[in-house]
């Protein structure tokens, strides 16, 4: 039990550190000569921190619908499209293609898990309908949060 709690504390601390670095790069002056490099590093460290935070929180919660794979997949796909507009070098485009790969994998895996939970793990028709609407409302909430974040960064 001690090792599990210690692992959670270490993982959570690393995730928060990445998020703090991301916020520092985003909101404060730094020694980077290129603003694009500063924003790319901020986005990457923020993504690593968000992914780590999601994984650590998912370890302690017992929610029926676990959106870690799906939401992280969508975030990585969004990050890929955001970075692909700013990086014109073929080498860098190839590197960030990894984000698209992991994003597609996480999104597809998350959707398959959601469908499995909604369709296969319930016996009654009433419970299936209840699970479907719970899934639908959680998806709408997650997408609205994603859209508000995108609007905050003036991407759309």
N, C-alpha and C. Protein backbone atom coordinates (compact mmCIF):
# COMPACT_ATOMS: atom_id res chain seq x y z
N UNK A 1 0.82 -1.19 0.00
CA UNK A 1 0.00 0.00 0.00
C UNK A 1 0.87 1.26 0.00
N UNK A 2 1.97 1.23 0.77
CA UNK A 2 2.85 2.39 0.84
C UNK A 2 3.47 2.68 -0.52
N UNK A 3 3.91 1.64 -1.23
CA UNK A 3 4.52 1.82 -2.53
C UNK A 3 3.53 2.41 -3.52
N UNK A 4 2.27 1.97 -3.46
CA UNK A 4 1.26 2.48 -4.37
C UNK A 4 1.01 3.97 -4.11
N UNK A 5 0.90 4.36 -2.84
CA UNK A 5 0.71 5.77 -2.50
C UNK A 5 1.93 6.59 -2.89
N UNK A 6 3.12 6.04 -2.67
CA UNK A 6 4.34 6.74 -3.01
C UNK A 6 4.46 6.92 -4.53
N UNK A 7 4.09 5.90 -5.30
CA UNK A 7 4.11 6.02 -6.76
C UNK A 7 3.13 7.09 -7.23
N UNK A 8 1.95 7.15 -6.61
CA UNK A 8 0.98 8.17 -6.97
C UNK A 8 1.52 9.57 -6.68
N UNK A 9 2.12 9.74 -5.51
CA UNK A 9 2.66 11.05 -5.13
C UNK A 9 3.77 11.47 -6.09
N UNK A 10 4.66 10.55 -6.42
CA UNK A 10 5.74 10.88 -7.35
C UNK A 10 5.20 11.21 -8.74
N UNK A 11 4.28 10.41 -9.24
CA UNK A 11 3.71 10.67 -10.56
C UNK A 11 2.94 11.98 -10.60
N UNK A 12 2.17 12.24 -9.56
CA UNK A 12 1.40 13.48 -9.49
C UNK A 12 2.34 14.68 -9.42
N UNK A 13 3.41 14.58 -8.66
CA UNK A 13 4.37 15.68 -8.54
C UNK A 13 5.06 15.97 -9.87
N UNK A 14 5.43 14.94 -10.59
CA UNK A 14 6.05 15.14 -11.90
C UNK A 14 5.07 15.79 -12.86
N UNK A 15 3.82 15.37 -12.84
CA UNK A 15 2.81 15.94 -13.72
C UNK A 15 2.60 17.42 -13.41
N UNK A 16 2.50 17.77 -12.14
CA UNK A 16 2.33 19.17 -11.75
C UNK A 16 3.55 19.99 -12.15
N UNK A 17 4.74 19.42 -12.01
CA UNK A 17 5.96 20.13 -12.41
C UNK A 17 5.93 20.45 -13.91
N UNK A 18 5.52 19.50 -14.73
CA UNK A 18 5.42 19.76 -16.17
C UNK A 18 4.39 20.84 -16.47
N UNK A 19 3.28 20.84 -15.76
CA UNK A 19 2.25 21.86 -15.99
C UNK A 19 2.76 23.23 -15.56
N UNK A 20 3.49 23.31 -14.45
CA UNK A 20 4.05 24.58 -14.00
C UNK A 20 5.06 25.10 -15.02
N UNK A 21 5.91 24.23 -15.54
CA UNK A 21 6.87 24.65 -16.58
C UNK A 21 6.13 25.15 -17.81
N UNK A 22 5.07 24.48 -18.18
CA UNK A 22 4.28 24.90 -19.34
C UNK A 22 3.69 26.29 -19.12
N UNK A 23 3.13 26.52 -17.94
CA UNK A 23 2.54 27.83 -17.64
C UNK A 23 3.61 28.92 -17.60
N UNK A 24 4.76 28.60 -17.05
CA UNK A 24 5.86 29.57 -17.02
C UNK A 24 6.27 29.97 -18.44
N UNK A 25 6.45 28.97 -19.29
CA UNK A 25 6.84 29.27 -20.67
C UNK A 25 5.77 30.05 -21.40
N UNK A 26 4.52 29.80 -21.08
CA UNK A 26 3.42 30.44 -21.79
C UNK A 26 3.21 31.88 -21.35
N UNK A 27 3.31 32.15 -20.05
CA UNK A 27 2.90 33.45 -19.54
C UNK A 27 4.04 34.39 -19.14
N UNK A 28 5.26 33.90 -19.00
CA UNK A 28 6.35 34.75 -18.56
C UNK A 28 7.43 34.83 -19.63
N UNK A 29 8.20 35.92 -19.57
CA UNK A 29 9.31 36.07 -20.51
C UNK A 29 10.37 35.02 -20.22
N UNK A 30 10.95 34.51 -21.28
CA UNK A 30 12.01 33.53 -21.11
C UNK A 30 13.14 33.88 -22.06
N UNK A 31 14.19 33.12 -22.04
CA UNK A 31 15.38 33.41 -22.84
C UNK A 31 15.33 32.81 -24.24
N UNK A 32 14.19 32.31 -24.67
CA UNK A 32 14.10 31.76 -26.01
C UNK A 32 14.01 32.90 -27.02
N UNK A 33 14.79 32.80 -28.09
CA UNK A 33 14.77 33.82 -29.12
C UNK A 33 13.57 33.64 -30.05
N UNK A 34 13.12 32.43 -30.20
CA UNK A 34 12.00 32.15 -31.09
C UNK A 34 10.72 31.99 -30.27
N UNK A 35 9.71 32.81 -30.55
CA UNK A 35 8.45 32.62 -29.82
C UNK A 35 7.77 31.30 -30.18
N UNK A 36 7.99 30.82 -31.40
CA UNK A 36 7.39 29.54 -31.80
C UNK A 36 7.96 28.40 -30.97
N UNK A 37 9.28 28.42 -30.75
CA UNK A 37 9.90 27.38 -29.94
C UNK A 37 9.35 27.42 -28.52
N UNK A 38 9.17 28.62 -28.00
CA UNK A 38 8.63 28.78 -26.66
C UNK A 38 7.22 28.19 -26.57
N UNK A 39 6.38 28.47 -27.57
CA UNK A 39 5.01 27.95 -27.55
C UNK A 39 4.96 26.44 -27.78
N UNK A 40 5.84 25.95 -28.63
CA UNK A 40 5.89 24.50 -28.87
C UNK A 40 6.32 23.77 -27.60
N UNK A 41 7.36 24.27 -26.94
CA UNK A 41 7.81 23.65 -25.69
C UNK A 41 6.74 23.75 -24.61
N UNK A 42 6.04 24.88 -24.57
CA UNK A 42 4.96 25.03 -23.61
C UNK A 42 3.85 24.02 -23.88
N UNK A 43 3.50 23.84 -25.14
CA UNK A 43 2.45 22.88 -25.50
C UNK A 43 2.88 21.46 -25.18
N UNK A 44 4.12 21.13 -25.49
CA UNK A 44 4.60 19.77 -25.23
C UNK A 44 4.67 19.46 -23.73
N UNK A 45 5.22 20.39 -22.94
CA UNK A 45 5.29 20.14 -21.51
C UNK A 45 3.89 20.14 -20.89
N UNK A 46 3.01 20.98 -21.40
CA UNK A 46 1.63 20.97 -20.91
C UNK A 46 0.93 19.67 -21.24
N UNK A 47 1.20 19.14 -22.42
CA UNK A 47 0.59 17.86 -22.81
C UNK A 47 1.12 16.73 -21.94
N UNK A 48 2.42 16.69 -21.73
CA UNK A 48 3.00 15.65 -20.87
C UNK A 48 2.43 15.76 -19.46
N UNK A 49 2.31 16.97 -18.95
CA UNK A 49 1.74 17.16 -17.62
C UNK A 49 0.29 16.75 -17.54
N UNK A 50 -0.48 17.11 -18.56
CA UNK A 50 -1.90 16.74 -18.58
C UNK A 50 -2.08 15.24 -18.69
N UNK A 51 -1.30 14.62 -19.55
CA UNK A 51 -1.38 13.16 -19.69
C UNK A 51 -1.00 12.49 -18.37
N UNK A 52 0.08 12.94 -17.77
CA UNK A 52 0.50 12.36 -16.50
C UNK A 52 -0.52 12.57 -15.40
N UNK A 53 -1.10 13.76 -15.35
CA UNK A 53 -2.12 14.05 -14.35
C UNK A 53 -3.34 13.15 -14.55
N UNK A 54 -3.73 12.98 -15.79
CA UNK A 54 -4.89 12.14 -16.09
C UNK A 54 -4.63 10.69 -15.69
N UNK A 55 -3.44 10.20 -15.98
CA UNK A 55 -3.10 8.82 -15.62
C UNK A 55 -3.10 8.65 -14.10
N UNK A 56 -2.53 9.60 -13.39
CA UNK A 56 -2.46 9.48 -11.93
C UNK A 56 -3.84 9.61 -11.29
N UNK A 57 -4.66 10.51 -11.78
CA UNK A 57 -6.01 10.65 -11.23
C UNK A 57 -6.83 9.41 -11.55
N UNK A 58 -6.63 8.85 -12.73
CA UNK A 58 -7.36 7.64 -13.12
C UNK A 58 -7.00 6.46 -12.22
N UNK A 59 -5.80 6.48 -11.64
CA UNK A 59 -5.39 5.40 -10.74
C UNK A 59 -6.20 5.40 -9.44
N UNK A 60 -6.64 6.57 -9.00
CA UNK A 60 -7.32 6.64 -7.71
C UNK A 60 -8.84 6.71 -7.84
N UNK A 61 -9.37 7.01 -9.02
CA UNK A 61 -10.83 7.10 -9.17
C UNK A 61 -11.38 5.78 -9.64
N UNK A 62 -12.62 5.56 -9.33
CA UNK A 62 -13.30 4.32 -9.73
C UNK A 62 -14.52 4.67 -10.57
N UNK A 63 -14.37 5.58 -11.52
CA UNK A 63 -15.51 5.98 -12.35
C UNK A 63 -15.92 4.85 -13.27
N UNK A 64 -17.19 4.86 -13.61
CA UNK A 64 -17.71 3.83 -14.50
C UNK A 64 -17.15 4.02 -15.90
N UNK A 65 -17.13 5.26 -16.37
CA UNK A 65 -16.60 5.57 -17.69
C UNK A 65 -15.24 6.22 -17.51
N UNK A 66 -14.20 5.55 -17.92
CA UNK A 66 -12.85 6.10 -17.80
C UNK A 66 -12.47 6.72 -19.14
N UNK A 67 -12.36 8.04 -19.15
CA UNK A 67 -12.12 8.76 -20.38
C UNK A 67 -10.66 9.09 -20.60
N UNK A 68 -9.76 8.45 -19.88
CA UNK A 68 -8.36 8.83 -20.02
C UNK A 68 -7.84 8.58 -21.43
N UNK A 69 -8.08 7.41 -22.00
CA UNK A 69 -7.57 7.12 -23.34
C UNK A 69 -8.24 7.99 -24.39
N UNK A 70 -9.54 8.12 -24.30
CA UNK A 70 -10.28 8.90 -25.28
C UNK A 70 -9.91 10.38 -25.22
N UNK A 71 -9.93 10.95 -24.03
CA UNK A 71 -9.64 12.38 -23.92
C UNK A 71 -8.18 12.69 -24.25
N UNK A 72 -7.27 11.84 -23.82
CA UNK A 72 -5.86 12.08 -24.16
C UNK A 72 -5.63 11.91 -25.65
N UNK A 73 -6.32 10.97 -26.26
CA UNK A 73 -6.21 10.80 -27.71
C UNK A 73 -6.66 12.03 -28.46
N UNK A 74 -7.78 12.60 -28.03
CA UNK A 74 -8.29 13.81 -28.68
C UNK A 74 -7.33 14.98 -28.46
N UNK A 75 -6.78 15.09 -27.25
CA UNK A 75 -5.81 16.17 -26.97
C UNK A 75 -4.56 16.01 -27.84
N UNK A 76 -4.05 14.80 -27.98
CA UNK A 76 -2.86 14.58 -28.80
C UNK A 76 -3.12 14.86 -30.28
N UNK A 77 -4.30 14.49 -30.76
CA UNK A 77 -4.65 14.81 -32.15
C UNK A 77 -4.73 16.32 -32.34
N UNK A 78 -5.36 17.01 -31.39
CA UNK A 78 -5.43 18.47 -31.46
C UNK A 78 -4.06 19.11 -31.40
N UNK A 79 -3.19 18.59 -30.55
CA UNK A 79 -1.83 19.11 -30.46
C UNK A 79 -1.08 18.89 -31.76
N UNK A 80 -1.29 17.74 -32.38
CA UNK A 80 -0.64 17.48 -33.67
C UNK A 80 -1.06 18.53 -34.70
N UNK A 81 -2.36 18.78 -34.82
CA UNK A 81 -2.82 19.75 -35.82
C UNK A 81 -2.36 21.16 -35.48
N UNK A 82 -2.29 21.49 -34.19
CA UNK A 82 -1.80 22.80 -33.78
C UNK A 82 -0.32 22.96 -34.15
N UNK A 83 0.49 21.95 -33.85
CA UNK A 83 1.92 22.04 -34.13
C UNK A 83 2.23 21.93 -35.61
N UNK A 84 1.42 21.18 -36.36
CA UNK A 84 1.71 21.00 -37.78
C UNK A 84 1.58 22.30 -38.56
N UNK A 85 0.81 23.26 -38.06
CA UNK A 85 0.71 24.55 -38.72
C UNK A 85 1.97 25.38 -38.54
N UNK A 86 2.69 25.18 -37.44
CA UNK A 86 3.85 26.00 -37.14
C UNK A 86 5.18 25.38 -37.55
N UNK A 87 5.21 24.08 -37.72
CA UNK A 87 6.47 23.41 -38.05
C UNK A 87 6.48 23.05 -39.53
N UNK A 88 7.37 23.68 -40.28
CA UNK A 88 7.41 23.47 -41.72
C UNK A 88 8.51 22.51 -42.15
N UNK A 89 9.35 22.11 -41.25
CA UNK A 89 10.46 21.23 -41.55
C UNK A 89 9.95 19.79 -41.64
N UNK A 90 10.41 19.05 -42.66
CA UNK A 90 9.96 17.66 -42.83
C UNK A 90 10.37 16.78 -41.66
N UNK A 91 11.55 17.02 -41.11
CA UNK A 91 12.01 16.22 -39.97
C UNK A 91 11.10 16.43 -38.76
N UNK A 92 10.76 17.68 -38.47
CA UNK A 92 9.89 17.97 -37.34
C UNK A 92 8.47 17.45 -37.58
N UNK A 93 8.01 17.54 -38.82
CA UNK A 93 6.69 16.99 -39.15
C UNK A 93 6.66 15.48 -38.91
N UNK A 94 7.76 14.82 -39.22
CA UNK A 94 7.84 13.37 -39.00
C UNK A 94 7.82 13.06 -37.51
N UNK A 95 8.50 13.87 -36.72
CA UNK A 95 8.54 13.64 -35.27
C UNK A 95 7.15 13.83 -34.66
N UNK A 96 6.46 14.90 -35.05
CA UNK A 96 5.15 15.13 -34.43
C UNK A 96 4.08 14.20 -34.98
N UNK A 97 4.41 13.46 -36.03
CA UNK A 97 3.47 12.44 -36.52
C UNK A 97 3.23 11.38 -35.45
N UNK A 98 4.18 11.23 -34.54
CA UNK A 98 4.02 10.31 -33.41
C UNK A 98 2.83 10.74 -32.55
N UNK A 99 2.62 12.06 -32.41
CA UNK A 99 1.47 12.54 -31.66
C UNK A 99 0.17 12.08 -32.30
N UNK A 100 0.11 12.16 -33.63
CA UNK A 100 -1.09 11.73 -34.34
C UNK A 100 -1.31 10.23 -34.17
N UNK A 101 -0.24 9.47 -34.23
CA UNK A 101 -0.35 8.02 -34.07
C UNK A 101 -0.90 7.66 -32.69
N UNK A 102 -0.29 8.20 -31.64
CA UNK A 102 -0.76 7.90 -30.29
C UNK A 102 -2.16 8.48 -30.05
N UNK A 103 -2.43 9.63 -30.65
CA UNK A 103 -3.76 10.22 -30.51
C UNK A 103 -4.84 9.37 -31.15
N UNK A 104 -4.57 8.88 -32.35
CA UNK A 104 -5.55 8.01 -33.02
C UNK A 104 -5.73 6.71 -32.24
N UNK A 105 -4.64 6.15 -31.76
CA UNK A 105 -4.72 4.92 -30.97
C UNK A 105 -5.56 5.13 -29.71
N UNK A 106 -5.27 6.18 -28.97
CA UNK A 106 -6.02 6.44 -27.74
C UNK A 106 -7.48 6.73 -27.99
N UNK A 107 -7.77 7.48 -29.04
CA UNK A 107 -9.16 7.80 -29.36
C UNK A 107 -9.94 6.55 -29.74
N UNK A 108 -9.36 5.75 -30.60
CA UNK A 108 -10.05 4.53 -31.04
C UNK A 108 -10.22 3.56 -29.87
N UNK A 109 -9.17 3.38 -29.07
CA UNK A 109 -9.27 2.49 -27.92
C UNK A 109 -10.31 2.98 -26.93
N UNK A 110 -10.34 4.29 -26.69
CA UNK A 110 -11.33 4.85 -25.78
C UNK A 110 -12.76 4.66 -26.27
N UNK A 111 -12.96 4.85 -27.57
CA UNK A 111 -14.30 4.65 -28.14
C UNK A 111 -14.73 3.19 -28.06
N UNK A 112 -13.81 2.28 -28.32
CA UNK A 112 -14.15 0.86 -28.23
C UNK A 112 -14.49 0.48 -26.79
N UNK A 113 -13.74 0.99 -25.83
CA UNK A 113 -14.04 0.71 -24.42
C UNK A 113 -15.40 1.28 -24.04
N UNK A 114 -15.69 2.50 -24.51
CA UNK A 114 -16.99 3.10 -24.20
C UNK A 114 -18.13 2.27 -24.79
N UNK A 115 -17.99 1.84 -26.02
CA UNK A 115 -19.02 1.01 -26.65
C UNK A 115 -19.19 -0.31 -25.90
N UNK A 116 -18.09 -0.88 -25.48
CA UNK A 116 -18.14 -2.13 -24.73
C UNK A 116 -18.89 -1.95 -23.42
N UNK A 117 -18.60 -0.86 -22.73
CA UNK A 117 -19.28 -0.60 -21.46
C UNK A 117 -20.77 -0.36 -21.67
N UNK A 118 -21.09 0.45 -22.67
CA UNK A 118 -22.49 0.81 -22.91
C UNK A 118 -23.29 -0.39 -23.39
N UNK A 119 -22.74 -1.19 -24.28
CA UNK A 119 -23.52 -2.24 -24.93
C UNK A 119 -23.40 -3.59 -24.22
N UNK A 120 -22.20 -4.02 -23.91
CA UNK A 120 -22.01 -5.40 -23.48
C UNK A 120 -22.11 -5.64 -21.98
N UNK A 121 -21.81 -4.66 -21.15
CA UNK A 121 -21.73 -4.93 -19.72
C UNK A 121 -23.04 -4.73 -18.98
N UNK A 122 -24.11 -4.50 -19.68
CA UNK A 122 -25.40 -4.36 -19.01
C UNK A 122 -26.37 -5.37 -19.59
N UNK A 123 -27.27 -5.82 -18.75
CA UNK A 123 -28.23 -6.83 -19.19
C UNK A 123 -29.56 -6.23 -19.59
N UNK A 124 -30.03 -5.25 -18.84
CA UNK A 124 -31.36 -4.72 -19.11
C UNK A 124 -31.30 -3.59 -20.14
N UNK A 125 -32.38 -3.47 -20.87
CA UNK A 125 -32.49 -2.42 -21.89
C UNK A 125 -32.49 -1.04 -21.23
N UNK A 126 -33.13 -0.95 -20.07
CA UNK A 126 -33.18 0.31 -19.34
C UNK A 126 -31.78 0.76 -18.93
N UNK A 127 -30.97 -0.16 -18.46
CA UNK A 127 -29.59 0.17 -18.05
C UNK A 127 -28.74 0.55 -19.26
N UNK A 128 -28.94 -0.10 -20.40
CA UNK A 128 -28.21 0.27 -21.61
C UNK A 128 -28.53 1.69 -22.03
N UNK A 129 -29.81 2.05 -21.97
CA UNK A 129 -30.22 3.41 -22.34
C UNK A 129 -29.62 4.42 -21.36
N UNK A 130 -29.65 4.10 -20.07
CA UNK A 130 -29.07 4.98 -19.06
C UNK A 130 -27.57 5.16 -19.29
N UNK A 131 -26.87 4.07 -19.56
CA UNK A 131 -25.43 4.15 -19.83
C UNK A 131 -25.14 4.95 -21.09
N UNK A 132 -25.97 4.77 -22.13
CA UNK A 132 -25.76 5.52 -23.37
C UNK A 132 -25.87 7.01 -23.13
N UNK A 133 -26.91 7.44 -22.38
CA UNK A 133 -27.07 8.87 -22.14
C UNK A 133 -25.99 9.41 -21.20
N UNK A 134 -25.54 8.63 -20.25
CA UNK A 134 -24.43 9.06 -19.40
C UNK A 134 -23.17 9.26 -20.24
N UNK A 135 -22.92 8.33 -21.14
CA UNK A 135 -21.78 8.44 -22.05
C UNK A 135 -21.92 9.67 -22.94
N UNK A 136 -23.10 9.88 -23.49
CA UNK A 136 -23.34 11.00 -24.39
C UNK A 136 -23.13 12.34 -23.68
N UNK A 137 -23.66 12.48 -22.46
CA UNK A 137 -23.52 13.73 -21.74
C UNK A 137 -22.08 13.98 -21.30
N UNK A 138 -21.36 12.94 -20.94
CA UNK A 138 -19.95 13.12 -20.58
C UNK A 138 -19.13 13.51 -21.81
N UNK A 139 -19.46 12.96 -22.97
CA UNK A 139 -18.77 13.33 -24.21
C UNK A 139 -19.04 14.79 -24.55
N UNK A 140 -20.28 15.23 -24.43
CA UNK A 140 -20.63 16.61 -24.73
C UNK A 140 -19.89 17.55 -23.78
N UNK A 141 -19.83 17.20 -22.51
CA UNK A 141 -19.09 18.02 -21.55
C UNK A 141 -17.61 18.10 -21.86
N UNK A 142 -17.02 16.97 -22.22
CA UNK A 142 -15.60 16.96 -22.57
C UNK A 142 -15.31 17.75 -23.83
N UNK A 143 -16.17 17.62 -24.83
CA UNK A 143 -15.97 18.37 -26.08
C UNK A 143 -16.17 19.86 -25.87
N UNK A 144 -17.13 20.25 -25.03
CA UNK A 144 -17.32 21.68 -24.78
C UNK A 144 -16.13 22.27 -24.03
N UNK A 145 -15.54 21.50 -23.12
CA UNK A 145 -14.33 21.97 -22.44
C UNK A 145 -13.17 22.11 -23.43
N UNK A 146 -13.05 21.16 -24.35
CA UNK A 146 -11.99 21.22 -25.35
C UNK A 146 -12.17 22.43 -26.26
N UNK A 147 -13.40 22.70 -26.67
CA UNK A 147 -13.66 23.86 -27.54
C UNK A 147 -13.36 25.16 -26.81
N UNK A 148 -13.70 25.24 -25.53
CA UNK A 148 -13.40 26.47 -24.79
C UNK A 148 -11.89 26.68 -24.62
N UNK A 149 -11.14 25.60 -24.45
CA UNK A 149 -9.68 25.72 -24.37
C UNK A 149 -9.12 26.18 -25.71
N UNK A 150 -9.62 25.62 -26.79
CA UNK A 150 -9.16 26.01 -28.13
C UNK A 150 -9.48 27.47 -28.39
N UNK A 151 -10.66 27.93 -27.98
CA UNK A 151 -11.02 29.33 -28.17
C UNK A 151 -10.16 30.25 -27.30
N UNK A 152 -9.77 29.79 -26.12
CA UNK A 152 -8.92 30.61 -25.25
C UNK A 152 -7.56 30.87 -25.87
N UNK A 153 -7.06 29.93 -26.65
CA UNK A 153 -5.77 30.11 -27.33
C UNK A 153 -5.94 30.70 -28.72
N UNK A 154 -7.14 31.15 -29.07
CA UNK A 154 -7.44 31.79 -30.36
C UNK A 154 -7.06 30.92 -31.55
N UNK A 155 -7.28 29.62 -31.43
CA UNK A 155 -7.02 28.72 -32.55
C UNK A 155 -8.19 28.75 -33.51
N UNK A 156 -9.42 28.84 -32.95
CA UNK A 156 -10.60 28.97 -33.81
C UNK A 156 -11.34 30.24 -33.47
